[in-house]
Protein backbone atom coordinates (compact mmCIF):
# COMPACT_ATOMS: atom_id res chain seq x y z
CA MET A 1 -43.44 12.75 8.27
CA SER A 2 -42.21 9.59 10.18
CA ARG A 3 -39.16 9.29 7.64
CA ARG A 4 -38.17 13.01 8.19
CA ARG A 5 -38.28 12.61 11.87
CA GLU A 6 -36.18 9.38 11.74
CA LEU A 7 -33.56 11.18 9.68
CA GLU A 8 -33.71 14.19 11.96
CA HIS A 9 -33.21 11.76 14.94
CA HIS A 10 -30.19 10.28 13.05
CA ARG A 11 -28.72 13.66 12.44
CA ASP A 12 -28.97 14.50 16.25
CA SER A 13 -27.11 11.36 17.13
CA LEU A 14 -24.30 12.18 14.79
CA ALA A 15 -24.07 15.61 16.23
CA GLU A 16 -23.63 14.12 19.71
CA ILE A 17 -20.98 11.71 18.45
CA ARG A 18 -19.25 14.59 16.68
CA ASP A 19 -19.15 16.61 19.79
CA ILE A 20 -17.67 13.56 21.82
CA MET A 21 -15.02 13.34 19.08
CA ASN A 22 -14.21 16.91 19.07
CA SER A 23 -13.70 16.69 22.89
CA MET A 24 -11.47 13.61 22.55
CA LYS A 25 -9.49 15.43 19.74
CA THR A 26 -9.00 18.47 21.85
CA LEU A 27 -7.70 16.38 24.83
CA ALA A 28 -5.25 14.59 22.54
CA TYR A 29 -4.00 17.87 21.13
CA MET A 30 -3.61 19.26 24.80
CA GLU A 31 -1.55 16.31 25.70
CA THR A 32 0.75 16.76 22.64
CA ARG A 33 1.42 20.31 23.98
CA LYS A 34 2.41 19.08 27.33
CA LEU A 35 4.47 16.34 25.86
CA ALA A 36 6.43 18.66 23.74
CA ARG A 37 7.89 20.36 26.78
CA PHE A 38 8.91 17.06 28.42
CA LEU A 39 10.42 15.70 25.20
CA ASP A 40 12.70 18.81 24.70
CA ALA A 41 14.11 18.26 28.15
CA GLN A 42 14.35 14.47 27.86
CA HIS A 43 16.14 14.70 24.52
CA ALA A 44 18.65 16.90 26.04
CA VAL A 45 19.11 14.57 28.94
CA VAL A 46 19.87 11.56 26.77
CA ARG A 47 22.20 13.58 24.40
CA ASN A 48 24.22 14.72 27.44
CA ILE A 49 24.63 11.17 28.88
CA GLU A 50 25.52 9.74 25.48
CA LYS A 51 28.18 12.57 25.11
CA ALA A 52 29.59 11.82 28.58
CA SER A 53 29.65 8.21 27.95
CA ALA A 54 31.28 8.64 24.59
CA ASP A 55 34.01 10.70 26.31
CA PHE A 56 34.51 8.32 29.17
CA LEU A 57 34.57 5.19 26.99
CA SER A 58 36.98 6.66 24.54
CA PHE A 59 39.54 6.39 27.27
CA HIS A 60 38.23 3.13 28.91
CA PRO A 61 36.92 1.03 26.14
CA GLU A 62 37.98 -2.08 27.95
CA LEU A 63 35.21 -1.47 30.52
CA LEU A 64 32.52 -1.88 28.05
CA PRO A 65 31.27 -5.43 27.68
CA ALA A 66 31.20 -6.68 24.17
CA ALA A 67 27.99 -7.55 22.34
CA HIS A 68 27.20 -11.20 23.41
CA SER A 69 24.76 -14.06 22.49
CA ALA A 70 21.93 -13.66 24.96
CA GLN A 71 18.14 -13.69 25.33
CA THR A 72 16.56 -11.19 22.97
CA VAL A 73 13.92 -8.95 24.36
CA PHE A 74 11.59 -6.54 22.55
CA VAL A 75 9.88 -3.87 24.47
CA LEU A 76 6.84 -2.79 22.27
CA LEU A 77 5.31 0.59 23.07
CA GLY A 78 1.70 0.38 21.60
CA ALA A 79 -1.47 2.40 22.04
CA GLN A 80 -3.26 2.33 25.23
CA ARG A 81 -6.59 3.65 23.84
CA GLY A 82 -8.28 3.47 20.35
CA PHE A 83 -9.00 6.10 17.51
CA CYS A 84 -5.31 6.02 16.39
CA GLY A 85 -5.56 4.01 13.20
CA ASP A 86 -3.16 1.17 12.46
CA PHE A 87 -0.81 2.29 15.29
CA ASN A 88 -0.47 -1.21 16.74
CA HIS A 89 -0.63 -3.23 13.62
CA ALA A 90 2.12 -1.14 12.03
CA LEU A 91 4.33 -1.82 15.05
CA LEU A 92 3.81 -5.59 14.70
CA ASN A 93 4.67 -5.54 11.03
CA HIS A 94 7.84 -3.63 11.85
CA LEU A 95 8.53 -6.33 14.42
CA ASP A 96 8.03 -9.22 11.83
CA ASP A 97 10.48 -7.33 9.39
CA ALA A 98 13.17 -6.90 12.09
CA LEU A 99 13.03 -10.53 13.16
CA GLN A 100 13.42 -11.66 9.51
CA GLU A 101 16.45 -9.38 9.13
CA ARG A 102 17.98 -10.70 12.34
CA THR A 103 17.84 -14.42 11.83
CA HIS A 104 20.08 -14.92 14.98
CA ASN A 105 17.29 -13.62 17.28
CA HIS A 106 15.74 -17.00 17.95
CA ASN A 107 12.78 -17.25 20.44
CA PRO A 108 12.61 -13.54 21.20
CA VAL A 109 10.65 -12.51 24.19
CA LEU A 110 8.16 -9.71 23.99
CA ILE A 111 6.93 -7.11 26.70
CA ALA A 112 3.79 -5.65 25.38
CA VAL A 113 3.06 -2.11 26.72
CA GLY A 114 -0.42 -0.76 25.89
CA HIS A 115 -3.81 -2.24 26.40
CA ARG A 116 -4.87 -2.21 22.60
CA LEU A 117 -1.51 -3.81 21.78
CA SER A 118 -1.78 -6.51 24.49
CA VAL A 119 -5.17 -7.58 23.20
CA LEU A 120 -3.79 -8.15 19.64
CA LEU A 121 -0.82 -10.22 21.15
CA GLU A 122 -3.14 -12.14 23.71
CA GLN A 123 -2.52 -15.58 21.96
CA ASP A 124 1.10 -14.89 21.39
CA GLU A 125 3.50 -17.37 23.17
CA ARG A 126 6.32 -15.04 22.96
CA VAL A 127 4.75 -12.40 25.14
CA ALA A 128 6.37 -12.64 28.77
CA ALA A 129 4.52 -9.71 30.17
CA SER A 130 1.53 -7.30 29.11
CA MET A 131 0.74 -3.92 30.79
CA ASP A 132 -1.10 -0.88 30.21
CA ASN A 133 0.63 2.03 28.59
CA ALA A 134 0.44 5.69 29.70
CA GLY A 135 -2.60 7.47 28.88
CA VAL A 136 -1.24 10.85 29.96
CA VAL A 137 2.21 12.19 30.63
CA GLU A 138 1.74 11.94 34.39
CA GLU A 139 1.39 8.20 34.12
CA VAL A 140 4.85 7.57 32.44
CA PRO A 141 6.94 7.14 35.57
CA SER A 142 4.74 4.25 36.88
CA ILE A 143 4.85 2.46 33.51
CA LEU A 144 8.67 2.82 33.42
CA GLY A 145 8.72 1.27 36.85
CA ARG A 146 6.74 -1.68 35.65
CA ILE A 147 8.96 -2.04 32.48
CA VAL A 148 12.18 -2.08 34.60
CA HIS A 149 10.54 -4.72 37.09
CA GLU A 150 9.80 -7.05 34.20
CA LEU A 151 13.37 -6.57 32.67
CA SER A 152 14.71 -7.42 36.04
CA SER A 153 12.65 -10.49 36.45
CA LEU A 154 13.91 -11.65 33.06
CA GLN A 155 17.38 -11.07 33.95
CA GLU A 156 17.10 -13.08 36.96
CA GLN A 157 15.94 -15.93 35.01
CA THR A 158 18.51 -15.77 31.92
CA ARG A 159 21.12 -13.55 33.39
CA MET A 160 22.06 -11.91 30.02
CA LEU A 161 19.71 -9.82 27.94
CA ASN A 162 19.72 -8.00 24.64
CA VAL A 163 16.88 -5.52 25.06
CA TYR A 164 15.46 -3.53 22.17
CA GLY A 165 12.82 -0.90 22.25
CA LEU A 166 10.35 -0.72 19.33
CA PHE A 167 8.21 2.45 19.19
CA HIS A 168 6.54 5.05 16.98
CA SER A 169 8.60 8.35 16.83
CA GLY A 170 5.96 10.48 14.88
CA GLU A 171 7.36 11.80 11.54
CA GLY A 172 10.42 9.49 11.86
CA GLY A 173 8.13 6.36 11.55
CA ILE A 174 8.88 3.29 13.74
CA VAL A 175 12.26 3.06 15.50
CA MET A 176 14.02 0.20 16.99
CA ARG A 177 16.67 1.21 19.69
CA THR A 178 19.20 -0.79 21.65
CA ILE A 179 18.49 -0.44 25.39
CA LEU A 180 20.81 -3.10 26.71
CA PRO A 181 23.72 -3.53 26.41
CA PRO A 182 24.16 0.28 26.48
CA PHE A 183 26.80 2.47 24.72
CA GLN A 184 27.61 0.09 22.06
CA GLN A 185 27.82 2.86 19.47
CA CYS A 186 30.56 4.57 21.58
CA LEU A 187 33.22 1.89 20.69
CA GLU A 188 33.42 3.35 17.10
CA GLN A 189 34.06 6.93 18.25
CA ALA A 190 37.43 8.47 18.46
CA PRO A 191 38.48 10.62 21.56
CA GLN A 192 37.37 14.22 21.38
CA HIS A 193 39.71 15.40 24.05
CA SER A 194 43.39 14.91 24.87
CA HIS A 195 42.90 14.00 28.51
CA PRO A 196 40.51 11.53 30.12
CA PRO A 197 37.55 12.97 32.25
CA VAL A 198 38.27 13.67 35.93
CA LEU A 199 36.20 11.21 38.07
CA ASN A 200 35.33 11.21 41.71
CA GLU A 201 35.21 7.44 41.76
CA PRO A 202 36.95 4.42 40.14
CA ALA A 203 36.20 4.02 36.35
CA GLU A 204 34.94 0.47 37.13
CA GLN A 205 32.18 1.90 39.53
CA PHE A 206 31.40 4.91 37.44
CA LEU A 207 30.21 2.95 34.14
CA PRO A 208 27.49 0.92 35.90
CA ARG A 209 26.09 4.06 37.51
CA LEU A 210 26.06 5.83 34.14
CA ALA A 211 24.41 2.84 32.57
CA ASP A 212 21.56 3.01 35.18
CA HIS A 213 20.87 6.70 34.46
CA TYR A 214 21.08 6.15 30.81
CA LEU A 215 18.52 3.19 30.93
CA PHE A 216 15.98 5.35 32.82
CA ALA A 217 16.59 8.28 30.55
CA VAL A 218 16.15 6.40 27.35
CA LEU A 219 13.01 4.55 28.63
CA HIS A 220 11.57 8.07 29.56
CA GLU A 221 12.33 9.27 26.22
CA MET A 222 10.79 6.31 24.44
CA LEU A 223 7.64 6.41 26.35
CA TYR A 224 7.26 10.13 25.94
CA THR A 225 7.99 9.95 22.11
CA SER A 226 5.58 6.98 21.74
CA LEU A 227 2.72 8.84 23.68
CA MET A 228 3.30 11.78 21.52
CA ALA A 229 3.04 9.95 18.30
CA GLU A 230 0.00 8.15 19.58
CA ASN A 231 -1.80 11.43 20.35
CA HIS A 232 -0.68 12.85 17.02
CA GLN A 233 -2.16 9.94 15.27
CA ARG A 234 -5.34 10.18 17.35
CA VAL A 235 -5.76 13.85 16.44
CA THR A 236 -5.41 13.18 12.72
CA HIS A 237 -7.71 10.12 12.93
CA LEU A 238 -10.46 11.98 14.88
CA ASP A 239 -10.05 15.03 12.62
CA GLY A 240 -10.89 12.92 9.60
CA ALA A 241 -13.78 11.12 11.44
CA VAL A 242 -15.31 14.50 12.44
CA LYS A 243 -15.07 15.68 8.82
CA ARG A 244 -16.79 12.54 7.54
CA LEU A 245 -19.56 12.97 10.19
CA GLU A 246 -20.06 16.70 9.11
CA ASP A 247 -20.37 15.67 5.62
CA GLU A 248 -22.90 12.86 6.53
CA SER A 249 -24.86 15.35 8.65
CA ALA A 250 -25.01 17.89 5.81
CA GLU A 251 -26.25 15.12 3.49
CA LEU A 252 -28.89 14.24 6.04
CA ALA A 253 -29.93 17.88 6.34
CA ARG A 254 -30.34 18.05 2.59
CA ARG A 255 -32.47 14.92 2.58
CA CYS A 256 -34.53 16.22 5.56
CA ASN A 257 -35.06 19.69 3.69
CA ALA A 258 -36.13 17.65 0.49
CA LEU A 259 -38.66 15.62 2.55
CA ARG A 260 -39.88 18.84 4.26
CA GLN A 261 -40.52 20.40 0.96
CA GLU A 262 -42.42 17.29 -0.26
CA GLU A 263 -44.63 17.53 2.91
CA ILE A 264 -45.28 21.08 2.35
CA ILE A 265 -46.21 20.47 -1.29
CA GLU A 266 -48.59 17.70 -0.13
CA GLU A 267 -50.08 19.98 2.43
CA ILE A 268 -50.72 22.74 -0.30
CA GLU A 269 -52.30 20.14 -2.55
CA VAL A 270 -54.56 18.96 0.14
CA ILE A 271 -55.51 22.55 1.01
CA LEU A 272 -56.14 23.20 -2.84
CA LEU A 273 -58.16 20.06 -3.26
CA SER A 274 -60.23 20.98 -0.05
CA ALA A 275 -60.77 24.56 -1.36
CA ALA A 276 -62.01 23.12 -4.79
CA SER A 277 -64.20 20.72 -3.19
CA LEU A 278 -65.82 23.51 -1.02
CA GLY A 279 -66.05 25.69 -4.04
CA GLY A 280 -67.90 23.08 -6.06
CA GLY A 281 -70.28 22.34 -3.30
CA SER A 282 -71.34 26.04 -3.03
CA ARG A 283 -72.16 26.19 -6.75
CA ASP A 284 -74.17 23.17 -6.50
CA VAL A 285 -76.28 24.59 -3.62
CA SER A 286 -76.78 27.82 -5.56
C-alpha cells in the first residue's frame, strides 16, 4: 500500500509541474502573438530607412565615412529566462566562429544582454557590460536605452567603434548584423533615380540625423526578433517537456494500477483463507 501511495504522490507532483509548464508555454505563445505585430511594423521602418539612405548616399557617397580600424564591440542578445534549450550556448558558439573568421578583430568588447547569458559570461574579461534582457515586449524600450548608454560610454573612451549585433532570428538561425558604422552596404548600390532627393536641411546635417533614427530602429528590430525567437524556442522546449511528463505520468498510472490489482488479489486471498479457516472450524465443531 505504501509503495502505491508513494507513486500516486509522485504522479500528483508531476501533474502540478505539468500545469505550471503549460501555463508558461501559454504565456510564451501569447508573447509571440504580440511580438508578431510589433515585428511587422519594425521591419517596415527599417526597410524604409535603408531605402531612403541608399537613395541619399547614391548621390552623396562622399559623406559616408569609410570603414575604419576601431574598437570592435559585439552586442550579444541572449535569453533572459530559462526553458529555451541551448539558446545562449548557440549564440556563444557563433561568436567564437565569427571571431575566428575575422582575425583582425583583436580584443573585442562584449555587451551581454540577458540574465542567463550574463551568468555564462560572468568570468569573461571581454565583457564590458552586462544587463537584463526584455522579458516581455513592453520592456524593450528600456533595454534599448541601456544598450545605447553603454555604447555611448565606450565611444567616449575609444572614440571610434565598430559595433555588431549577434542575435537569434528564429528560422533564419543566428544573425550577425553591422550596427555601426551604418549604411556601409549602400556604397555598392547604383542610383535608382535620376535626380537627388530634395532635403529641408544641408546634406551634411541630414546624414547624422538619419543614422540616429537608423540606430534606434535596428536595435528595436534586433530586440524584438531575439525576443520572438526566445519565446518560440521556449514554447517548443516546454511542449517537449510537457509531453515527457505526460508519458511519465501515464507510466506511473499503469504501475499504480498494477500495484492496486496486486493489493486486490492479496485482499481476496486473505478473504478466501479466512473463509476456509472459518469453514474448517465449523466442521470440527460438528
